[in-house]
Amino acid sequence: MRWLAGKTHTLAEFDWSTKKMATAIDRLLDALVEIEKDGKKILDEKYMMSIFTPLKLKQLDKYMIFVFEVKKSPTTNRKGCDSRQGVKALGPYIYRELFQPIREENKATTKNILKWGLDIAKCLLEEMKDPTKLTSEHLSSLKGRLN
């Protein structure tokens, strides 16, 4: 969302505009509703990494590849972990630990992550639907005037 908000003005030639941000916001809202229904989705890599795929915006896809596979990680080098690789390439130390933890201390947090995921989804949904905030004006489900 942050990338889209910051780059929208540069994407006109790709049929993207501030008006289309409503679609992205709707996608986020839909994802949060699904996470609220089934908190396990927050640990579902395929689900989480495909939330914005229906936008069919190649520049966003390229950005996601850059962030997770190309961008150098700011982490310190650990045994078996090349900090010059992209986040996804760091394997068990970062990316895989998000969705399929193998380290015991990360596995032990799974119960909390599921609870926090539900709490965060509920809070974000409440914020997004708040009629006193501009985001609600973008939501098609609320018939927002900017949608």
C-alpha atoms as a PDB file:
ATOM      1  CA  MET A   1       0.000   0.000   0.000  1.00  0.00           C
ATOM      2  CA  ARG A   2       2.763   2.412   0.877  1.00  0.00           C
ATOM      3  CA  TRP A   3       4.526   1.785  -2.442  1.00  0.00           C
ATOM      4  CA  LEU A   4       1.274   2.249  -4.372  1.00  0.00           C
ATOM      5  CA  ALA A   5       0.445   5.455  -2.526  1.00  0.00           C
ATOM      6  CA  GLY A   6       3.911   6.831  -3.165  1.00  0.00           C
ATOM      7  CA  LYS A   7       4.141   5.762  -6.811  1.00  0.00           C
ATOM      8  CA  THR A   8       0.581   6.312  -8.050  1.00  0.00           C
ATOM      9  CA  HIS A   9       1.537   9.598  -9.723  1.00  0.00           C
ATOM     10  CA  THR A  10       4.160   7.757 -11.820  1.00  0.00           C
ATOM     11  CA  LEU A  11       1.892   4.939 -13.003  1.00  0.00           C
ATOM     12  CA  ALA A  12      -0.559   6.758 -15.286  1.00  0.00           C
ATOM     13  CA  GLU A  13       0.931   5.163 -18.399  1.00  0.00           C
ATOM     14  CA  PHE A  14       0.079   1.758 -16.893  1.00  0.00           C
ATOM     15  CA  ASP A  15      -3.600   2.638 -16.471  1.00  0.00           C
ATOM     16  CA  TRP A  16      -3.213   3.370 -12.767  1.00  0.00           C
ATOM     17  CA  SER A  17      -4.447   6.476 -10.988  1.00  0.00           C
ATOM     18  CA  THR A  18      -5.475   7.765  -7.590  1.00  0.00           C
ATOM     19  CA  LYS A  19      -8.989   6.533  -8.430  1.00  0.00           C
ATOM     20  CA  LYS A  20      -7.603   2.993  -8.712  1.00  0.00           C
ATOM     21  CA  MET A  21      -6.217   3.210  -5.174  1.00  0.00           C
ATOM     22  CA  ALA A  22      -9.778   2.435  -4.101  1.00  0.00           C
ATOM     23  CA  THR A  23      -9.340  -0.996  -5.693  1.00  0.00           C
ATOM     24  CA  ALA A  24      -6.168  -1.598  -3.700  1.00  0.00           C
ATOM     25  CA  ILE A  25      -7.872  -0.466  -0.504  1.00  0.00           C
ATOM     26  CA  ASP A  26     -10.792  -2.796  -1.258  1.00  0.00           C
ATOM     27  CA  ARG A  27      -8.318  -5.670  -1.735  1.00  0.00           C
ATOM     28  CA  LEU A  28      -6.761  -4.912   1.646  1.00  0.00           C
ATOM     29  CA  LEU A  29     -10.180  -4.704   3.281  1.00  0.00           C
ATOM     30  CA  ASP A  30     -11.227  -8.039   1.745  1.00  0.00           C
ATOM     31  CA  ALA A  31      -8.006  -9.656   2.952  1.00  0.00           C
ATOM     32  CA  LEU A  32      -8.516  -8.344   6.483  1.00  0.00           C
ATOM     33  CA  VAL A  33     -12.090  -9.656   6.499  1.00  0.00           C
ATOM     34  CA  GLU A  34     -10.764 -13.089   5.507  1.00  0.00           C
ATOM     35  CA  ILE A  35      -8.069 -12.958   8.189  1.00  0.00           C
ATOM     36  CA  GLU A  36     -10.698 -11.948  10.734  1.00  0.00           C
ATOM     37  CA  LYS A  37     -12.773 -15.006   9.719  1.00  0.00           C
ATOM     38  CA  ASP A  38      -9.796 -17.356   9.673  1.00  0.00           C
ATOM     39  CA  GLY A  39      -6.778 -16.096  11.587  1.00  0.00           C
ATOM     40  CA  LYS A  40      -4.601 -18.875  10.148  1.00  0.00           C
ATOM     41  CA  LYS A  41      -4.557 -17.033   6.839  1.00  0.00           C
ATOM     42  CA  ILE A  42      -2.003 -14.624   8.287  1.00  0.00           C
ATOM     43  CA  LEU A  43       0.478 -17.502   8.221  1.00  0.00           C
ATOM     44  CA  ASP A  44      -0.577 -18.659   4.743  1.00  0.00           C
ATOM     45  CA  GLU A  45       2.245 -17.515   2.468  1.00  0.00           C
ATOM     46  CA  LYS A  46       0.329 -18.024  -0.773  1.00  0.00           C
ATOM     47  CA  TYR A  47      -2.630 -16.031   0.544  1.00  0.00           C
ATOM     48  CA  MET A  48      -0.638 -13.173   2.057  1.00  0.00           C
ATOM     49  CA  MET A  49       1.674 -12.768  -0.924  1.00  0.00           C
ATOM     50  CA  SER A  50      -1.194 -12.677  -3.420  1.00  0.00           C
ATOM     51  CA  ILE A  51      -3.469 -10.071  -1.829  1.00  0.00           C
ATOM     52  CA  PHE A  52      -2.667  -7.475  -4.500  1.00  0.00           C
ATOM     53  CA  THR A  53      -2.184  -9.860  -7.443  1.00  0.00           C
ATOM     54  CA  PRO A  54      -5.688  -9.118  -8.860  1.00  0.00           C
ATOM     55  CA  LEU A  55      -4.594  -5.511  -9.400  1.00  0.00           C
ATOM     56  CA  LYS A  56      -2.558  -6.788 -12.361  1.00  0.00           C
ATOM     57  CA  LEU A  57      -0.013  -4.043 -11.962  1.00  0.00           C
ATOM     58  CA  LYS A  58       3.318  -5.328 -13.262  1.00  0.00           C
ATOM     59  CA  GLN A  59       5.240  -2.517 -11.597  1.00  0.00           C
ATOM     60  CA  LEU A  60       3.926  -3.626  -8.193  1.00  0.00           C
ATOM     61  CA  ASP A  61       4.852  -7.227  -9.015  1.00  0.00           C
ATOM     62  CA  LYS A  62       8.364  -6.073  -9.927  1.00  0.00           C
ATOM     63  CA  TYR A  63       8.607  -4.143  -6.678  1.00  0.00           C
ATOM     64  CA  MET A  64       7.570  -7.217  -4.659  1.00  0.00           C
ATOM     65  CA  ILE A  65      10.206  -9.311  -6.449  1.00  0.00           C
ATOM     66  CA  PHE A  66      12.761  -6.605  -5.755  1.00  0.00           C
ATOM     67  CA  VAL A  67      11.917  -6.441  -2.041  1.00  0.00           C
ATOM     68  CA  PHE A  68      11.785 -10.178  -1.435  1.00  0.00           C
ATOM     69  CA  GLU A  69      14.362 -11.521  -3.873  1.00  0.00           C
ATOM     70  CA  VAL A  70      16.780  -8.814  -5.018  1.00  0.00           C
ATOM     71  CA  LYS A  71      17.092  -6.072  -2.407  1.00  0.00           C
ATOM     72  CA  LYS A  72      20.036  -6.514  -0.132  1.00  0.00           C
ATOM     73  CA  SER A  73      19.107  -7.278   3.431  1.00  0.00           C
ATOM     74  CA  PRO A  74      20.240  -4.899   6.164  1.00  0.00           C
ATOM     75  CA  THR A  75      20.642  -7.845   8.541  1.00  0.00           C
ATOM     76  CA  THR A  76      23.958  -8.839   9.966  1.00  0.00           C
ATOM     77  CA  ASN A  77      25.640 -11.861   8.480  1.00  0.00           C
ATOM     78  CA  ARG A  78      24.979 -15.046  10.415  1.00  0.00           C
ATOM     79  CA  LYS A  79      26.348 -18.490   9.790  1.00  0.00           C
ATOM     80  CA  GLY A  80      24.783 -19.733   6.572  1.00  0.00           C
ATOM     81  CA  CYS A  81      23.137 -16.376   5.905  1.00  0.00           C
ATOM     82  CA  ASP A  82      24.474 -14.125   3.154  1.00  0.00           C
ATOM     83  CA  SER A  83      23.271 -10.607   3.913  1.00  0.00           C
ATOM     84  CA  ARG A  84      23.878  -9.664   0.288  1.00  0.00           C
ATOM     85  CA  GLN A  85      20.911 -11.736  -0.850  1.00  0.00           C
ATOM     86  CA  GLY A  86      17.280 -10.756  -1.090  1.00  0.00           C
ATOM     87  CA  VAL A  87      14.977 -11.371   1.876  1.00  0.00           C
ATOM     88  CA  LYS A  88      13.405 -14.473   0.308  1.00  0.00           C
ATOM     89  CA  ALA A  89      16.840 -15.949  -0.434  1.00  0.00           C
ATOM     90  CA  LEU A  90      17.781 -15.701   3.231  1.00  0.00           C
ATOM     91  CA  GLY A  91      15.575 -18.736   3.789  1.00  0.00           C
ATOM     92  CA  PRO A  92      15.059 -19.827   7.386  1.00  0.00           C
ATOM     93  CA  TYR A  93      16.544 -16.671   8.826  1.00  0.00           C
ATOM     94  CA  ILE A  94      13.895 -14.286   7.560  1.00  0.00           C
ATOM     95  CA  TYR A  95      11.403 -15.139   4.827  1.00  0.00           C
ATOM     96  CA  ARG A  96      10.616 -18.768   5.633  1.00  0.00           C
ATOM     97  CA  GLU A  97      10.440 -17.960   9.312  1.00  0.00           C
ATOM     98  CA  LEU A  98       7.496 -15.659   8.561  1.00  0.00           C
ATOM     99  CA  PHE A  99       5.277 -18.443   7.271  1.00  0.00           C
ATOM    100  CA  GLN A 100       6.936 -21.758   8.116  1.00  0.00           C
ATOM    101  CA  PRO A 101       9.142 -21.231  11.144  1.00  0.00           C
ATOM    102  CA  ILE A 102      11.759 -23.831  11.916  1.00  0.00           C
ATOM    103  CA  ARG A 103      13.493 -22.104  14.796  1.00  0.00           C
ATOM    104  CA  GLU A 104      11.954 -23.115  18.113  1.00  0.00           C
ATOM    105  CA  GLU A 105      11.675 -19.569  19.430  1.00  0.00           C
ATOM    106  CA  ASN A 106       9.711 -18.590  16.305  1.00  0.00           C
ATOM    107  CA  LYS A 107       7.502 -21.686  16.424  1.00  0.00           C
ATOM    108  CA  ALA A 108       6.685 -20.788  20.011  1.00  0.00           C
ATOM    109  CA  THR A 109       5.244 -17.454  18.857  1.00  0.00           C
ATOM    110  CA  THR A 110       2.738 -19.007  16.428  1.00  0.00           C
ATOM    111  CA  LYS A 111      -0.122 -18.988  18.937  1.00  0.00           C
ATOM    112  CA  ASN A 112       0.496 -15.301  19.654  1.00  0.00           C
ATOM    113  CA  ILE A 113       0.840 -14.433  15.961  1.00  0.00           C
ATOM    114  CA  LEU A 114      -2.561 -16.001  15.261  1.00  0.00           C
ATOM    115  CA  LYS A 115      -4.138 -14.023  18.109  1.00  0.00           C
ATOM    116  CA  TRP A 116      -2.401 -10.787  17.184  1.00  0.00           C
ATOM    117  CA  GLY A 117      -3.297 -11.288  13.526  1.00  0.00           C
ATOM    118  CA  LEU A 118      -6.972 -11.395  14.469  1.00  0.00           C
ATOM    119  CA  ASP A 119      -6.615  -8.369  16.736  1.00  0.00           C
ATOM    120  CA  ILE A 120      -4.774  -6.378  14.072  1.00  0.00           C
ATOM    121  CA  ALA A 121      -7.315  -7.340  11.392  1.00  0.00           C
ATOM    122  CA  LYS A 122     -10.169  -6.199  13.641  1.00  0.00           C
ATOM    123  CA  CYS A 123      -8.455  -2.913  14.504  1.00  0.00           C
ATOM    124  CA  LEU A 124      -7.563  -2.147  10.886  1.00  0.00           C
ATOM    125  CA  LEU A 125     -11.077  -2.975   9.718  1.00  0.00           C
ATOM    126  CA  GLU A 126     -12.505  -0.654  12.347  1.00  0.00           C
ATOM    127  CA  GLU A 127     -10.122   2.115  11.286  1.00  0.00           C
ATOM    128  CA  MET A 128     -10.765   1.629   7.574  1.00  0.00           C
ATOM    129  CA  LYS A 129     -14.535   1.705   8.029  1.00  0.00           C
ATOM    130  CA  ASP A 130     -14.515   4.729  10.341  1.00  0.00           C
ATOM    131  CA  PRO A 131     -16.686   7.310   8.525  1.00  0.00           C
ATOM    132  CA  THR A 132     -14.658  10.147  10.011  1.00  0.00           C
ATOM    133  CA  LYS A 133     -11.542   8.986   8.149  1.00  0.00           C
ATOM    134  CA  LEU A 134     -10.771   9.410   4.462  1.00  0.00           C
ATOM    135  CA  THR A 135     -10.037   5.720   3.878  1.00  0.00           C
ATOM    136  CA  SER A 136     -13.730   4.892   4.302  1.00  0.00           C
ATOM    137  CA  GLU A 137     -14.483   7.157   1.329  1.00  0.00           C
ATOM    138  CA  HIS A 138     -12.503   4.740  -0.899  1.00  0.00           C
ATOM    139  CA  LEU A 139     -14.335   1.567   0.110  1.00  0.00           C
ATOM    140  CA  SER A 140     -16.770   0.156  -2.419  1.00  0.00           C
ATOM    141  CA  SER A 141     -18.444  -1.870   0.336  1.00  0.00           C
ATOM    142  CA  LEU A 142     -19.383   1.432   2.018  1.00  0.00           C
ATOM    143  CA  LYS A 143     -20.232   3.065  -1.306  1.00  0.00           C
ATOM    144  CA  GLY A 144     -17.484   5.602  -0.678  1.00  0.00           C
ATOM    145  CA  ARG A 145     -17.591   8.700  -2.806  1.00  0.00           C
ATOM    146  CA  LEU A 146     -13.998   8.185  -3.990  1.00  0.00           C
ATOM    147  CA  ASN A 147     -14.606   4.657  -5.220  1.00  0.00           C
END
